[in-house]
Amino acid sequence: MSPGEIQALARLAGGMDYYCLLRTERTASLDEIRRAYYSARRAFHPDRYLREDAPVQTAVDQISRRINEAWVVLRDAVRRPAYDRGLAEGRLRYTLEDEESRREQSRARTGSTPNGRKFFELASEAEARGEIEKAIAHIQTALTFERDNPVLLEQLTRLRSSRQAGSDDGDSPYAIR
């Protein structure tokens, strides 16, 4: 590419989505994305342009950074779907706000403290085994570490209503038969 074309591409790269930047389809497999990334990375590696003027080197650096950004997002099984949803809403970049939002949602689902997460996991396992009383006890313990966690409070309410429904149906393991 000529220096003028590189500088023009650098100006346009900010308005390109990651798929367009890597010249792949949105339905591309991870292997196709990997090949496209390595191809683009070779073409725009800053070391290839060490003899060029400073504006060209700056343009190549910008393109290279965007290519790396695309690779980091598109190779990740969690970030890629989040990016695709954002792309449908018109956002061309996966931002730190998206990442923080994803982390916050994950923390809210599983607890924001180590002990909260531990007891949340124990409650989930107990519930899966059908041990509702143990699950309730674990959620109550998790709530001692995270008093205002809405997910834990909702799960406690759900477990209590499940316990109540089970006792009404005569499904209690302690029922006299």
N, C-alpha and C. Protein backbone atom coordinates (compact mmCIF):
# COMPACT_ATOMS: atom_id res chain seq x y z
N MET A 1 0.84 -1.18 0.00
CA MET A 1 0.00 0.00 0.00
C MET A 1 0.88 1.24 0.00
N SER A 2 0.38 2.25 -0.63
CA SER A 2 1.13 3.50 -0.67
C SER A 2 0.92 4.24 0.66
N PRO A 3 1.82 5.16 0.99
CA PRO A 3 1.65 5.92 2.24
C PRO A 3 0.31 6.66 2.30
N GLY A 4 -0.15 7.19 1.18
CA GLY A 4 -1.43 7.90 1.17
C GLY A 4 -2.59 6.95 1.46
N GLU A 5 -2.54 5.74 0.90
CA GLU A 5 -3.59 4.76 1.14
C GLU A 5 -3.61 4.32 2.61
N ILE A 6 -2.43 4.18 3.19
CA ILE A 6 -2.35 3.78 4.60
C ILE A 6 -2.95 4.86 5.49
N GLN A 7 -2.64 6.11 5.21
CA GLN A 7 -3.19 7.20 6.00
C GLN A 7 -4.70 7.30 5.83
N ALA A 8 -5.19 7.08 4.63
CA ALA A 8 -6.64 7.11 4.38
C ALA A 8 -7.32 5.96 5.13
N LEU A 9 -6.70 4.78 5.10
CA LEU A 9 -7.26 3.63 5.82
C LEU A 9 -7.29 3.90 7.33
N ALA A 10 -6.27 4.54 7.84
CA ALA A 10 -6.23 4.86 9.27
C ALA A 10 -7.39 5.79 9.64
N ARG A 11 -7.70 6.73 8.76
CA ARG A 11 -8.83 7.63 9.02
C ARG A 11 -10.15 6.87 8.97
N LEU A 12 -10.27 5.90 8.08
CA LEU A 12 -11.51 5.14 7.93
C LEU A 12 -11.65 4.03 8.97
N ALA A 13 -10.54 3.55 9.52
CA ALA A 13 -10.56 2.40 10.44
C ALA A 13 -11.44 2.65 11.66
N GLY A 14 -11.50 3.89 12.11
CA GLY A 14 -12.33 4.20 13.26
C GLY A 14 -13.82 4.01 13.01
N GLY A 15 -14.23 4.04 11.77
CA GLY A 15 -15.63 3.86 11.41
C GLY A 15 -15.95 2.48 10.87
N MET A 16 -15.01 1.57 11.00
CA MET A 16 -15.21 0.20 10.50
C MET A 16 -15.46 -0.75 11.67
N ASP A 17 -16.37 -1.70 11.47
CA ASP A 17 -16.56 -2.71 12.51
C ASP A 17 -15.42 -3.73 12.41
N TYR A 18 -15.29 -4.55 13.41
CA TYR A 18 -14.16 -5.48 13.49
C TYR A 18 -14.15 -6.48 12.34
N TYR A 19 -15.32 -6.91 11.90
CA TYR A 19 -15.38 -7.87 10.80
C TYR A 19 -14.88 -7.24 9.51
N CYS A 20 -15.30 -6.02 9.27
CA CYS A 20 -14.87 -5.30 8.07
C CYS A 20 -13.37 -5.04 8.13
N LEU A 21 -12.89 -4.68 9.29
CA LEU A 21 -11.46 -4.41 9.47
C LEU A 21 -10.62 -5.64 9.16
N LEU A 22 -11.10 -6.81 9.57
CA LEU A 22 -10.37 -8.06 9.31
C LEU A 22 -10.76 -8.70 7.97
N ARG A 23 -11.71 -8.07 7.29
CA ARG A 23 -12.19 -8.58 6.00
C ARG A 23 -12.76 -9.99 6.12
N THR A 24 -13.66 -10.15 7.10
CA THR A 24 -14.34 -11.43 7.29
C THR A 24 -15.84 -11.18 7.37
N GLU A 25 -16.58 -12.24 7.29
CA GLU A 25 -18.03 -12.18 7.45
C GLU A 25 -18.39 -12.30 8.93
N ARG A 26 -19.56 -11.84 9.28
CA ARG A 26 -20.00 -11.96 10.67
C ARG A 26 -20.25 -13.40 11.07
N THR A 27 -20.44 -14.25 10.11
CA THR A 27 -20.67 -15.66 10.39
C THR A 27 -19.37 -16.47 10.36
N ALA A 28 -18.25 -15.79 10.26
CA ALA A 28 -16.96 -16.48 10.14
C ALA A 28 -16.66 -17.30 11.39
N SER A 29 -16.03 -18.45 11.16
CA SER A 29 -15.63 -19.30 12.27
C SER A 29 -14.40 -18.70 12.95
N LEU A 30 -14.06 -19.24 14.09
CA LEU A 30 -12.88 -18.75 14.81
C LEU A 30 -11.61 -18.96 13.98
N ASP A 31 -11.52 -20.07 13.26
CA ASP A 31 -10.34 -20.31 12.41
C ASP A 31 -10.25 -19.29 11.29
N GLU A 32 -11.38 -18.94 10.70
CA GLU A 32 -11.37 -17.92 9.64
C GLU A 32 -10.97 -16.56 10.20
N ILE A 33 -11.45 -16.25 11.38
CA ILE A 33 -11.09 -14.98 12.01
C ILE A 33 -9.60 -14.97 12.35
N ARG A 34 -9.10 -16.10 12.84
CA ARG A 34 -7.68 -16.20 13.17
C ARG A 34 -6.81 -15.98 11.93
N ARG A 35 -7.17 -16.61 10.82
CA ARG A 35 -6.40 -16.43 9.58
C ARG A 35 -6.45 -14.99 9.10
N ALA A 36 -7.63 -14.39 9.19
CA ALA A 36 -7.79 -12.98 8.76
C ALA A 36 -6.97 -12.06 9.66
N TYR A 37 -6.96 -12.35 10.95
CA TYR A 37 -6.17 -11.53 11.88
C TYR A 37 -4.68 -11.62 11.55
N TYR A 38 -4.18 -12.83 11.39
CA TYR A 38 -2.74 -12.97 11.11
C TYR A 38 -2.36 -12.33 9.79
N SER A 39 -3.24 -12.42 8.82
CA SER A 39 -2.98 -11.79 7.52
C SER A 39 -2.92 -10.26 7.67
N ALA A 40 -3.91 -9.70 8.37
CA ALA A 40 -3.94 -8.25 8.57
C ALA A 40 -2.78 -7.80 9.45
N ARG A 41 -2.44 -8.60 10.42
CA ARG A 41 -1.34 -8.25 11.33
C ARG A 41 -0.01 -8.20 10.57
N ARG A 42 0.19 -9.16 9.67
CA ARG A 42 1.42 -9.15 8.86
C ARG A 42 1.44 -7.92 7.95
N ALA A 43 0.32 -7.62 7.35
CA ALA A 43 0.27 -6.49 6.41
C ALA A 43 0.49 -5.15 7.09
N PHE A 44 0.05 -5.02 8.35
CA PHE A 44 0.14 -3.72 9.02
C PHE A 44 0.99 -3.76 10.29
N HIS A 45 1.95 -4.64 10.31
CA HIS A 45 2.85 -4.67 11.46
C HIS A 45 3.73 -3.43 11.43
N PRO A 46 3.86 -2.70 12.53
CA PRO A 46 4.64 -1.46 12.53
C PRO A 46 6.10 -1.64 12.10
N ASP A 47 6.68 -2.80 12.34
CA ASP A 47 8.08 -3.02 11.96
C ASP A 47 8.28 -3.00 10.44
N ARG A 48 7.23 -3.26 9.69
CA ARG A 48 7.34 -3.21 8.23
C ARG A 48 7.47 -1.79 7.70
N TYR A 49 7.13 -0.81 8.53
CA TYR A 49 7.07 0.57 8.07
C TYR A 49 8.05 1.47 8.82
N LEU A 50 9.13 0.90 9.30
CA LEU A 50 10.11 1.69 10.07
C LEU A 50 10.80 2.77 9.23
N ARG A 51 10.88 2.57 7.93
CA ARG A 51 11.56 3.53 7.07
C ARG A 51 10.64 4.62 6.54
N GLU A 52 9.37 4.53 6.87
CA GLU A 52 8.39 5.52 6.40
C GLU A 52 8.43 6.76 7.30
N ASP A 53 7.79 7.82 6.81
CA ASP A 53 7.70 9.05 7.58
C ASP A 53 6.86 8.84 8.84
N ALA A 54 6.99 9.76 9.79
CA ALA A 54 6.27 9.67 11.06
C ALA A 54 4.75 9.60 10.89
N PRO A 55 4.14 10.40 9.99
CA PRO A 55 2.68 10.29 9.84
C PRO A 55 2.22 8.91 9.36
N VAL A 56 3.01 8.29 8.50
CA VAL A 56 2.66 6.95 8.02
C VAL A 56 2.83 5.94 9.16
N GLN A 57 3.90 6.07 9.93
CA GLN A 57 4.11 5.17 11.06
C GLN A 57 2.97 5.31 12.08
N THR A 58 2.53 6.51 12.30
CA THR A 58 1.41 6.75 13.22
C THR A 58 0.14 6.10 12.69
N ALA A 59 -0.10 6.23 11.39
CA ALA A 59 -1.28 5.63 10.77
C ALA A 59 -1.22 4.10 10.88
N VAL A 60 -0.07 3.52 10.61
CA VAL A 60 0.09 2.07 10.71
C VAL A 60 -0.13 1.62 12.15
N ASP A 61 0.36 2.39 13.09
CA ASP A 61 0.18 2.06 14.50
C ASP A 61 -1.31 2.06 14.86
N GLN A 62 -2.06 3.05 14.38
CA GLN A 62 -3.49 3.11 14.64
C GLN A 62 -4.21 1.90 14.06
N ILE A 63 -3.87 1.56 12.83
CA ILE A 63 -4.50 0.40 12.18
C ILE A 63 -4.16 -0.87 12.94
N SER A 64 -2.90 -1.01 13.31
CA SER A 64 -2.44 -2.19 14.03
C SER A 64 -3.17 -2.35 15.36
N ARG A 65 -3.36 -1.26 16.05
CA ARG A 65 -4.07 -1.31 17.34
C ARG A 65 -5.52 -1.75 17.14
N ARG A 66 -6.16 -1.23 16.13
CA ARG A 66 -7.56 -1.63 15.86
C ARG A 66 -7.64 -3.10 15.47
N ILE A 67 -6.67 -3.58 14.72
CA ILE A 67 -6.64 -5.00 14.33
C ILE A 67 -6.50 -5.87 15.58
N ASN A 68 -5.62 -5.48 16.48
CA ASN A 68 -5.45 -6.23 17.74
C ASN A 68 -6.72 -6.18 18.58
N GLU A 69 -7.35 -5.03 18.62
CA GLU A 69 -8.61 -4.87 19.36
C GLU A 69 -9.67 -5.81 18.79
N ALA A 70 -9.75 -5.89 17.48
CA ALA A 70 -10.71 -6.78 16.83
C ALA A 70 -10.43 -8.23 17.20
N TRP A 71 -9.18 -8.62 17.19
CA TRP A 71 -8.80 -10.00 17.50
C TRP A 71 -9.15 -10.34 18.96
N VAL A 72 -8.85 -9.46 19.87
CA VAL A 72 -9.13 -9.70 21.29
C VAL A 72 -10.63 -9.92 21.51
N VAL A 73 -11.45 -9.16 20.83
CA VAL A 73 -12.90 -9.27 21.02
C VAL A 73 -13.48 -10.47 20.27
N LEU A 74 -13.11 -10.65 19.02
CA LEU A 74 -13.75 -11.67 18.20
C LEU A 74 -13.30 -13.10 18.54
N ARG A 75 -12.17 -13.24 19.18
CA ARG A 75 -11.73 -14.60 19.54
C ARG A 75 -12.35 -15.08 20.84
N ASP A 76 -12.93 -14.18 21.61
CA ASP A 76 -13.47 -14.50 22.92
C ASP A 76 -14.94 -14.93 22.81
N ALA A 77 -15.26 -16.07 23.39
CA ALA A 77 -16.62 -16.62 23.28
C ALA A 77 -17.66 -15.79 24.02
N VAL A 78 -17.24 -14.95 24.95
CA VAL A 78 -18.19 -14.10 25.68
C VAL A 78 -18.26 -12.72 25.05
N ARG A 79 -17.11 -12.18 24.69
CA ARG A 79 -17.08 -10.82 24.13
C ARG A 79 -17.69 -10.75 22.74
N ARG A 80 -17.48 -11.78 21.92
CA ARG A 80 -17.98 -11.71 20.54
C ARG A 80 -19.50 -11.58 20.49
N PRO A 81 -20.27 -12.40 21.21
CA PRO A 81 -21.73 -12.19 21.17
C PRO A 81 -22.14 -10.83 21.71
N ALA A 82 -21.44 -10.36 22.75
CA ALA A 82 -21.74 -9.03 23.28
C ALA A 82 -21.44 -7.97 22.24
N TYR A 83 -20.34 -8.13 21.53
CA TYR A 83 -19.99 -7.18 20.47
C TYR A 83 -21.05 -7.23 19.36
N ASP A 84 -21.46 -8.43 18.98
CA ASP A 84 -22.48 -8.56 17.93
C ASP A 84 -23.78 -7.88 18.32
N ARG A 85 -24.16 -8.00 19.59
CA ARG A 85 -25.38 -7.30 20.05
C ARG A 85 -25.18 -5.79 19.98
N GLY A 86 -24.02 -5.32 20.39
CA GLY A 86 -23.72 -3.90 20.31
C GLY A 86 -23.68 -3.41 18.88
N LEU A 87 -23.16 -4.24 17.99
CA LEU A 87 -23.08 -3.90 16.57
C LEU A 87 -24.49 -3.74 15.99
N ALA A 88 -25.40 -4.59 16.43
CA ALA A 88 -26.79 -4.48 15.97
C ALA A 88 -27.41 -3.16 16.43
N GLU A 89 -26.90 -2.62 17.54
CA GLU A 89 -27.38 -1.34 18.05
C GLU A 89 -26.61 -0.16 17.48
N GLY A 90 -25.63 -0.45 16.62
CA GLY A 90 -24.88 0.62 15.97
C GLY A 90 -23.54 0.96 16.59
N ARG A 91 -23.12 0.21 17.60
CA ARG A 91 -21.82 0.46 18.22
C ARG A 91 -20.75 -0.35 17.49
N LEU A 92 -19.72 0.34 17.01
CA LEU A 92 -18.69 -0.31 16.21
C LEU A 92 -17.54 -0.87 17.04
N ARG A 93 -17.45 -0.45 18.28
CA ARG A 93 -16.33 -0.89 19.12
C ARG A 93 -16.84 -1.52 20.41
N TYR A 94 -16.08 -2.48 20.88
CA TYR A 94 -16.33 -3.08 22.18
C TYR A 94 -15.56 -2.23 23.18
N THR A 95 -16.26 -1.61 24.10
CA THR A 95 -15.62 -0.63 24.97
C THR A 95 -15.40 -1.17 26.38
N LEU A 96 -14.68 -0.41 27.16
CA LEU A 96 -14.48 -0.78 28.56
C LEU A 96 -15.81 -0.79 29.32
N GLU A 97 -16.73 0.07 28.91
CA GLU A 97 -18.04 0.08 29.55
C GLU A 97 -18.77 -1.24 29.30
N ASP A 98 -18.64 -1.78 28.07
CA ASP A 98 -19.24 -3.07 27.77
C ASP A 98 -18.63 -4.16 28.64
N GLU A 99 -17.31 -4.12 28.77
CA GLU A 99 -16.60 -5.11 29.58
C GLU A 99 -17.00 -4.99 31.05
N GLU A 100 -17.06 -3.79 31.56
CA GLU A 100 -17.43 -3.58 32.96
C GLU A 100 -18.88 -3.99 33.18
N SER A 101 -19.74 -3.71 32.23
CA SER A 101 -21.14 -4.12 32.34
C SER A 101 -21.25 -5.64 32.39
N ARG A 102 -20.47 -6.31 31.55
CA ARG A 102 -20.46 -7.78 31.53
C ARG A 102 -19.98 -8.32 32.87
N ARG A 103 -18.91 -7.74 33.40
CA ARG A 103 -18.37 -8.19 34.70
C ARG A 103 -19.38 -7.94 35.82
N GLU A 104 -20.02 -6.78 35.78
CA GLU A 104 -20.98 -6.44 36.83
C GLU A 104 -22.17 -7.39 36.79
N GLN A 105 -22.64 -7.72 35.60
CA GLN A 105 -23.75 -8.66 35.49
C GLN A 105 -23.34 -10.03 36.00
N SER A 106 -22.13 -10.43 35.69
CA SER A 106 -21.62 -11.72 36.16
C SER A 106 -21.51 -11.72 37.69
N ARG A 107 -20.97 -10.63 38.25
CA ARG A 107 -20.84 -10.53 39.70
C ARG A 107 -22.21 -10.55 40.37
N ALA A 108 -23.16 -9.85 39.78
CA ALA A 108 -24.50 -9.80 40.37
C ALA A 108 -25.16 -11.17 40.34
N ARG A 109 -24.89 -11.93 39.28
CA ARG A 109 -25.48 -13.26 39.18
C ARG A 109 -24.86 -14.23 40.17
N THR A 110 -23.58 -14.10 40.44
CA THR A 110 -22.89 -15.11 41.25
C THR A 110 -22.36 -14.58 42.57
N GLY A 111 -22.55 -13.33 42.86
CA GLY A 111 -22.03 -12.74 44.09
C GLY A 111 -20.84 -11.86 43.81
N SER A 112 -20.70 -10.82 44.60
CA SER A 112 -19.61 -9.87 44.36
C SER A 112 -18.45 -10.05 45.32
N THR A 113 -18.61 -10.88 46.35
CA THR A 113 -17.52 -11.17 47.27
C THR A 113 -17.14 -12.64 47.15
N PRO A 114 -15.93 -13.00 47.55
CA PRO A 114 -15.55 -14.41 47.46
C PRO A 114 -16.49 -15.33 48.25
N ASN A 115 -16.85 -14.93 49.46
CA ASN A 115 -17.75 -15.77 50.25
C ASN A 115 -19.16 -15.77 49.67
N GLY A 116 -19.59 -14.65 49.13
CA GLY A 116 -20.90 -14.61 48.49
C GLY A 116 -20.96 -15.57 47.31
N ARG A 117 -19.90 -15.56 46.49
CA ARG A 117 -19.85 -16.49 45.35
C ARG A 117 -19.81 -17.94 45.81
N LYS A 118 -19.02 -18.20 46.85
CA LYS A 118 -18.87 -19.57 47.37
C LYS A 118 -20.23 -20.12 47.81
N PHE A 119 -20.95 -19.35 48.63
CA PHE A 119 -22.23 -19.84 49.13
C PHE A 119 -23.32 -19.83 48.06
N PHE A 120 -23.21 -18.93 47.10
CA PHE A 120 -24.14 -18.96 45.97
C PHE A 120 -23.96 -20.27 45.19
N GLU A 121 -22.71 -20.64 44.95
CA GLU A 121 -22.42 -21.89 44.23
C GLU A 121 -22.91 -23.10 45.03
N LEU A 122 -22.67 -23.11 46.33
CA LEU A 122 -23.16 -24.21 47.17
C LEU A 122 -24.68 -24.29 47.13
N ALA A 123 -25.34 -23.14 47.13
CA ALA A 123 -26.81 -23.13 47.06
C ALA A 123 -27.29 -23.68 45.72
N SER A 124 -26.62 -23.30 44.65
CA SER A 124 -27.00 -23.80 43.33
C SER A 124 -26.84 -25.30 43.24
N GLU A 125 -25.75 -25.81 43.79
CA GLU A 125 -25.53 -27.25 43.79
C GLU A 125 -26.58 -27.98 44.62
N ALA A 126 -26.88 -27.44 45.80
CA ALA A 126 -27.90 -28.05 46.66
C ALA A 126 -29.27 -28.05 45.98
N GLU A 127 -29.59 -26.95 45.33
CA GLU A 127 -30.87 -26.87 44.63
C GLU A 127 -30.94 -27.89 43.50
N ALA A 128 -29.83 -28.07 42.78
CA ALA A 128 -29.80 -29.04 41.69
C ALA A 128 -30.01 -30.46 42.21
N ARG A 129 -29.56 -30.72 43.43
CA ARG A 129 -29.77 -32.04 44.03
C ARG A 129 -31.15 -32.17 44.66
N GLY A 130 -31.91 -31.08 44.67
CA GLY A 130 -33.24 -31.10 45.25
C GLY A 130 -33.25 -30.84 46.74
N GLU A 131 -32.15 -30.39 47.28
CA GLU A 131 -32.05 -30.11 48.72
C GLU A 131 -32.37 -28.64 48.97
N ILE A 132 -33.64 -28.32 48.97
CA ILE A 132 -34.11 -26.94 49.05
C ILE A 132 -33.72 -26.30 50.38
N GLU A 133 -33.84 -27.03 51.48
CA GLU A 133 -33.49 -26.46 52.79
C GLU A 133 -32.02 -26.07 52.85
N LYS A 134 -31.14 -26.92 52.32
CA LYS A 134 -29.72 -26.59 52.29
C LYS A 134 -29.46 -25.39 51.39
N ALA A 135 -30.15 -25.35 50.26
CA ALA A 135 -29.99 -24.22 49.34
C ALA A 135 -30.39 -22.92 50.01
N ILE A 136 -31.49 -22.95 50.75
CA ILE A 136 -31.94 -21.75 51.47
C ILE A 136 -30.90 -21.33 52.49
N ALA A 137 -30.37 -22.30 53.23
CA ALA A 137 -29.35 -21.99 54.24
C ALA A 137 -28.11 -21.36 53.60
N HIS A 138 -27.69 -21.88 52.47
CA HIS A 138 -26.51 -21.34 51.78
C HIS A 138 -26.78 -19.92 51.26
N ILE A 139 -27.96 -19.68 50.73
CA ILE A 139 -28.29 -18.33 50.24
C ILE A 139 -28.35 -17.36 51.41
N GLN A 140 -28.90 -17.79 52.53
CA GLN A 140 -28.94 -16.92 53.70
C GLN A 140 -27.53 -16.59 54.17
N THR A 141 -26.63 -17.56 54.11
CA THR A 141 -25.24 -17.31 54.48
C THR A 141 -24.61 -16.34 53.49
N ALA A 142 -24.87 -16.52 52.20
CA ALA A 142 -24.34 -15.60 51.19
C ALA A 142 -24.83 -14.18 51.45
N LEU A 143 -26.07 -14.07 51.89
CA LEU A 143 -26.64 -12.74 52.16
C LEU A 143 -26.00 -12.07 53.37
N THR A 144 -25.36 -12.82 54.24
CA THR A 144 -24.65 -12.18 55.35
C THR A 144 -23.44 -11.42 54.83
N PHE A 145 -22.92 -11.83 53.67
CA PHE A 145 -21.78 -11.14 53.07
C PHE A 145 -22.22 -10.08 52.07
N GLU A 146 -23.40 -10.25 51.51
CA GLU A 146 -23.92 -9.32 50.49
C GLU A 146 -25.39 -9.04 50.79
N ARG A 147 -25.63 -8.20 51.73
CA ARG A 147 -26.99 -7.95 52.22
C ARG A 147 -27.94 -7.43 51.14
N ASP A 148 -27.46 -6.64 50.22
CA ASP A 148 -28.34 -5.97 49.27
C ASP A 148 -28.26 -6.56 47.86
N ASN A 149 -27.72 -7.76 47.71
CA ASN A 149 -27.61 -8.36 46.38
C ASN A 149 -29.00 -8.79 45.91
N PRO A 150 -29.54 -8.12 44.88
CA PRO A 150 -30.91 -8.43 44.45
C PRO A 150 -31.06 -9.84 43.89
N VAL A 151 -30.02 -10.37 43.29
CA VAL A 151 -30.10 -11.73 42.74
C VAL A 151 -30.23 -12.75 43.86
N LEU A 152 -29.43 -12.57 44.91
CA LEU A 152 -29.52 -13.48 46.05
C LEU A 152 -30.87 -13.37 46.74
N LEU A 153 -31.37 -12.15 46.90
CA LEU A 153 -32.68 -11.97 47.53
C LEU A 153 -33.78 -12.62 46.69
N GLU A 154 -33.69 -12.47 45.40
CA GLU A 154 -34.69 -13.08 44.51
C GLU A 154 -34.63 -14.60 44.59
N GLN A 155 -33.40 -15.14 44.62
CA GLN A 155 -33.26 -16.59 44.70
C GLN A 155 -33.80 -17.12 46.03
N LEU A 156 -33.56 -16.39 47.11
CA LEU A 156 -34.08 -16.81 48.42
C LEU A 156 -35.61 -16.84 48.38
N THR A 157 -36.22 -15.83 47.82
CA THR A 157 -37.68 -15.78 47.70
C THR A 157 -38.18 -16.96 46.86
N ARG A 158 -37.51 -17.21 45.75
CA ARG A 158 -37.91 -18.32 44.88
C ARG A 158 -37.78 -19.67 45.60
N LEU A 159 -36.67 -19.85 46.32
CA LEU A 159 -36.47 -21.11 47.05
C LEU A 159 -37.51 -21.29 48.15
N ARG A 160 -37.81 -20.22 48.84
CA ARG A 160 -38.82 -20.31 49.91
C ARG A 160 -40.19 -20.66 49.34
N SER A 161 -40.53 -20.06 48.21
CA SER A 161 -41.83 -20.38 47.61
C SER A 161 -41.82 -21.81 47.08
N SER A 162 -40.68 -22.27 46.60
CA SER A 162 -40.56 -23.65 46.13
C SER A 162 -40.73 -24.61 47.30
N ARG A 163 -40.13 -24.27 48.43
CA ARG A 163 -40.27 -25.09 49.63
C ARG A 163 -41.72 -25.14 50.06
N GLN A 164 -42.38 -23.99 50.04
CA GLN A 164 -43.79 -23.91 50.44
C GLN A 164 -44.66 -24.74 49.52
N ALA A 165 -44.41 -24.66 48.22
CA ALA A 165 -45.19 -25.43 47.26
C ALA A 165 -44.95 -26.91 47.46
N GLY A 166 -43.73 -27.29 47.78
CA GLY A 166 -43.40 -28.70 48.02
C GLY A 166 -44.08 -29.24 49.25
N SER A 167 -44.18 -28.43 50.29
CA SER A 167 -44.84 -28.90 51.52
C SER A 167 -46.34 -29.02 51.31
N ASP A 168 -46.93 -28.20 50.45
CA ASP A 168 -48.36 -28.28 50.16
C ASP A 168 -48.68 -29.53 49.36
N ASP A 169 -47.76 -29.97 48.52
CA ASP A 169 -48.01 -31.13 47.67
C ASP A 169 -47.73 -32.44 48.38
N GLY A 170 -47.19 -32.39 49.58
CA GLY A 170 -46.87 -33.62 50.27
C GLY A 170 -45.57 -34.23 49.78
N ASP A 171 -44.73 -33.48 49.09
CA ASP A 171 -43.48 -33.99 48.55
C ASP A 171 -42.33 -33.90 49.55
N SER A 172 -42.60 -33.45 50.76
CA SER A 172 -41.55 -33.28 51.73
C SER A 172 -40.97 -34.64 52.11
N PRO A 173 -39.64 -34.74 52.24
CA PRO A 173 -39.05 -36.02 52.65
C PRO A 173 -39.43 -36.37 54.11
N TYR A 174 -39.94 -35.40 54.83
CA TYR A 174 -40.29 -35.61 56.22
C TYR A 174 -41.79 -35.90 56.42
N ALA A 175 -42.50 -35.98 55.33
CA ALA A 175 -43.94 -36.20 55.42
C ALA A 175 -44.23 -37.63 55.90
N ILE A 176 -45.27 -37.79 56.67
CA ILE A 176 -45.68 -39.11 57.12
C ILE A 176 -46.48 -39.74 56.02
N ARG A 177 -46.12 -40.95 55.70
CA ARG A 177 -46.77 -41.64 54.57
C ARG A 177 -47.50 -42.86 55.04
